């Protein structure tokens, strides 16, 4: 077997391991899935698994990264359909809630993520993905005068935390209108942050 063929085989093995493990973690939860079940489902040996991942937790970390990146891509794609920066923010936030309404995403991203990796590592990973994009969007709106000038870090954490909590609540409610109502509530919350229009501001002065 050539070096190129071996590289392709290793990449394929890693893809299969991630896909099978993600499906198992999403369906059963991290704690209920053992390494033996993972390798059986993926059709590989434990040696092959350990060639790519140091442990079950390391494999989960890779799965979580994949889920975070996919959610981030969905949010960015939705926001990019809008030309207005403010609408980009509201559309992106709504897209995040819609993506997290998927129970399979909820379990990996919001439930098992902090429990398996610990709060600090999970927060660091969240910061590197969705929170970073949210912070950049808020900063651009402050720079444009759409939002009042203020420290961005606490605002980012408040909005990110609110959306994460809303996503967890969506996982437990049976209300068929919950997602629509939550997005509407988020829109009202965000609208309260907007600066008054120049005409209103002049009238206030």
Protein backbone atom coordinates (compact mmCIF):
# COMPACT_ATOMS: atom_id res chain seq x y z
CA UNK A 1 0.00 0.00 0.00
CA UNK A 2 1.37 3.40 -0.97
CA UNK A 3 1.83 6.25 1.47
CA UNK A 4 -1.04 8.15 -0.16
CA UNK A 5 -3.35 5.14 0.14
CA UNK A 6 -2.47 4.69 3.80
CA UNK A 7 -3.15 8.35 4.46
CA UNK A 8 -6.55 8.08 2.78
CA UNK A 9 -7.34 4.96 4.76
CA UNK A 10 -6.45 6.67 8.04
CA UNK A 11 -8.60 9.68 7.11
CA UNK A 12 -11.49 7.40 6.21
CA UNK A 13 -11.15 5.53 9.50
CA UNK A 14 -11.23 8.80 11.42
CA UNK A 15 -14.32 9.98 9.52
CA UNK A 16 -16.13 6.70 10.23
CA UNK A 17 -15.19 6.82 13.91
CA UNK A 18 -16.48 10.38 14.23
CA UNK A 19 -19.71 9.65 12.38
CA UNK A 20 -20.52 6.48 14.32
CA UNK A 21 -19.52 7.94 17.66
CA UNK A 22 -21.53 11.09 17.06
CA UNK A 23 -24.62 9.03 16.29
CA UNK A 24 -24.16 6.95 19.45
CA UNK A 25 -23.46 9.92 21.72
CA UNK A 26 -26.43 11.81 20.29
CA UNK A 27 -28.81 8.89 20.71
CA UNK A 28 -27.69 7.54 24.08
CA UNK A 29 -25.54 10.18 25.74
CA UNK A 30 -21.83 10.03 26.48
CA UNK A 31 -22.07 8.04 29.71
CA UNK A 32 -24.11 5.23 28.16
CA UNK A 33 -21.70 4.53 25.30
CA UNK A 34 -18.62 2.34 25.78
CA UNK A 35 -15.53 2.01 23.62
CA UNK A 36 -16.46 -1.55 22.66
CA UNK A 37 -19.76 -0.36 21.24
CA UNK A 38 -18.00 2.42 19.35
CA UNK A 39 -15.44 0.17 17.65
CA UNK A 40 -18.09 -2.43 16.85
CA UNK A 41 -20.35 0.17 15.28
CA UNK A 42 -17.45 1.68 13.32
CA UNK A 43 -16.09 -1.70 12.26
CA UNK A 44 -12.57 -0.98 13.52
CA UNK A 45 -10.30 -2.28 16.26
CA UNK A 46 -9.58 -0.53 19.54
CA UNK A 47 -6.03 -0.14 18.30
CA UNK A 48 -7.31 1.84 15.32
CA UNK A 49 -9.37 4.01 17.62
CA UNK A 50 -6.41 4.73 19.88
CA UNK A 51 -4.30 5.56 16.83
CA UNK A 52 -6.57 8.57 16.26
CA UNK A 53 -7.83 9.41 19.75
CA UNK A 54 -6.22 9.14 23.17
CA UNK A 55 -9.43 8.33 25.01
CA UNK A 56 -13.20 8.32 24.88
CA UNK A 57 -13.15 11.92 26.17
CA UNK A 58 -10.74 12.90 23.37
CA UNK A 59 -13.11 11.35 20.85
CA UNK A 60 -16.01 13.27 22.37
CA UNK A 61 -13.98 16.48 22.13
CA UNK A 62 -13.57 15.89 18.38
CA UNK A 63 -17.29 15.21 17.98
CA UNK A 64 -18.18 18.34 19.94
CA UNK A 65 -15.82 20.42 17.79
CA UNK A 66 -17.51 19.05 14.68
CA UNK A 67 -20.98 19.92 16.00
CA UNK A 68 -19.88 23.42 17.03
CA UNK A 69 -18.39 24.06 13.61
CA UNK A 70 -21.54 22.86 11.85
CA UNK A 71 -23.78 25.05 13.99
CA UNK A 72 -21.44 27.98 13.36
CA UNK A 73 -21.61 27.36 9.62
CA UNK A 74 -25.42 27.29 9.71
CA UNK A 75 -25.54 30.54 11.68
CA UNK A 76 -23.05 32.28 9.38
CA UNK A 77 -24.87 31.08 6.26
CA UNK A 78 -28.19 32.41 7.57
CA UNK A 79 -26.69 35.76 8.60
CA UNK A 80 -24.92 36.17 5.26
CA UNK A 81 -28.24 36.15 3.42
CA UNK A 82 -28.93 39.59 4.92
CA UNK A 83 -27.24 42.84 3.90
CA UNK A 84 -28.16 44.93 6.95
CA UNK A 85 -25.82 44.32 9.93
CA UNK A 86 -28.66 44.46 12.46
CA UNK A 87 -30.73 41.92 10.53
CA UNK A 88 -27.63 39.76 10.22
CA UNK A 89 -27.42 39.67 14.03
CA UNK A 90 -31.08 38.82 14.61
CA UNK A 91 -31.12 36.27 11.79
CA UNK A 92 -27.94 34.63 13.06
CA UNK A 93 -29.30 34.41 16.60
CA UNK A 94 -32.52 32.85 15.35
CA UNK A 95 -30.52 30.38 13.27
CA UNK A 96 -28.57 29.36 16.38
CA UNK A 97 -31.78 28.59 18.25
CA UNK A 98 -33.16 26.64 15.31
CA UNK A 99 -29.96 24.58 15.04
CA UNK A 100 -29.98 23.89 18.77
CA UNK A 101 -33.63 22.85 18.66
CA UNK A 102 -32.36 19.57 17.24
CA UNK A 103 -32.30 17.16 20.24
CA UNK A 104 -29.19 15.45 18.87
CA UNK A 105 -27.33 18.76 18.82
CA UNK A 106 -28.63 19.70 22.27
CA UNK A 107 -27.32 16.54 23.91
CA UNK A 108 -23.79 16.86 22.54
CA UNK A 109 -23.42 20.62 22.51
CA UNK A 110 -25.27 21.76 25.61
CA UNK A 111 -25.82 18.79 27.92
CA UNK A 112 -22.85 16.43 27.63
CA UNK A 113 -20.35 19.08 26.53
CA UNK A 114 -19.93 20.86 29.89
CA UNK A 115 -20.39 17.62 31.85
CA UNK A 116 -17.75 15.61 29.97
CA UNK A 117 -15.07 18.23 29.37
CA UNK A 118 -15.70 20.46 32.35
CA UNK A 119 -17.12 23.96 32.37
CA UNK A 120 -13.85 25.80 31.67
CA UNK A 121 -12.85 23.77 28.61
CA UNK A 122 -16.39 23.82 27.24
CA UNK A 123 -16.53 27.60 27.67
CA UNK A 124 -13.18 27.98 25.91
CA UNK A 125 -14.45 25.93 22.96
CA UNK A 126 -17.71 27.88 22.86
CA UNK A 127 -15.74 31.14 22.97
CA UNK A 128 -13.63 30.02 20.01
CA UNK A 129 -16.76 29.32 17.95
CA UNK A 130 -20.23 30.82 18.43
CA UNK A 131 -19.34 33.34 21.14
CA UNK A 132 -16.50 34.76 19.04
CA UNK A 133 -18.82 35.34 16.08
CA UNK A 134 -21.42 36.94 18.35
CA UNK A 135 -18.80 39.22 19.88
CA UNK A 136 -17.60 40.34 16.45
CA UNK A 137 -21.16 41.07 15.31
CA UNK A 138 -21.89 43.11 18.43
CA UNK A 139 -18.64 45.05 18.11
CA UNK A 140 -19.43 46.00 14.51
CA UNK A 141 -22.88 47.25 15.58
CA UNK A 142 -21.36 49.34 18.37
CA UNK A 143 -18.82 50.77 15.91
CA UNK A 144 -21.66 51.65 13.53
CA UNK A 145 -23.63 53.37 16.29
CA UNK A 146 -26.49 50.89 16.10
CA UNK A 147 -25.75 49.79 19.67
CA UNK A 148 -24.69 52.16 22.43
CA UNK A 149 -20.96 52.19 23.11
CA UNK A 150 -20.31 49.73 25.91
CA UNK A 151 -17.99 46.87 26.94
CA UNK A 152 -18.57 44.03 24.49
CA UNK A 153 -17.38 41.09 26.63
CA UNK A 154 -20.17 41.16 29.25
CA UNK A 155 -22.83 41.80 26.62
CA UNK A 156 -21.58 38.82 24.62
CA UNK A 157 -21.65 36.56 27.68
CA UNK A 158 -25.16 37.70 28.63
CA UNK A 159 -26.62 37.08 25.18
CA UNK A 160 -24.71 33.83 24.65
CA UNK A 161 -25.82 32.52 28.03
CA UNK A 162 -29.41 33.51 27.38
CA UNK A 163 -29.47 31.67 24.05
CA UNK A 164 -27.81 28.57 25.50
CA UNK A 165 -30.36 28.47 28.33
CA UNK A 166 -33.20 28.99 25.86
CA UNK A 167 -31.91 26.09 23.77
CA UNK A 168 -31.85 23.85 26.85
CA UNK A 169 -35.39 24.89 27.72
CA UNK A 170 -36.52 24.07 24.19
CA UNK A 171 -35.22 20.54 24.77
CA UNK A 172 -37.63 20.01 27.67
CA UNK A 173 -40.82 21.76 26.62
CA UNK A 174 -43.65 20.12 24.71
CA UNK A 175 -45.15 23.42 23.55
CA UNK A 176 -45.32 23.28 19.72
CA UNK A 177 -44.96 27.06 19.54
CA UNK A 178 -41.93 27.19 21.83
CA UNK A 179 -39.30 27.80 19.15
CA UNK A 180 -41.33 30.52 17.41
CA UNK A 181 -42.13 32.20 20.74
CA UNK A 182 -38.51 32.01 21.87
CA UNK A 183 -37.21 33.63 18.69
CA UNK A 184 -39.84 36.37 19.03
CA UNK A 185 -38.81 36.96 22.65
CA UNK A 186 -35.16 37.14 21.62
CA UNK A 187 -36.01 39.68 18.91
CA UNK A 188 -37.72 41.87 21.53
CA UNK A 189 -34.75 41.51 23.86
CA UNK A 190 -32.31 42.52 21.13
CA UNK A 191 -34.53 45.41 20.01
CA UNK A 192 -34.26 46.85 23.50
CA UNK A 193 -30.50 47.18 23.03
CA UNK A 194 -30.74 49.30 19.90
CA UNK A 195 -29.95 52.97 20.01
CA UNK A 196 -32.81 55.33 19.27
CA UNK A 197 -32.97 56.62 15.73
CA UNK A 198 -31.16 59.93 15.03
CA UNK A 199 -34.53 61.73 14.88
CA UNK A 200 -35.53 60.43 18.33
CA UNK A 201 -32.10 61.18 19.74
CA UNK A 202 -32.34 64.79 18.55
CA UNK A 203 -35.79 65.11 20.12
CA UNK A 204 -34.49 63.79 23.44
CA UNK A 205 -31.62 66.28 23.43
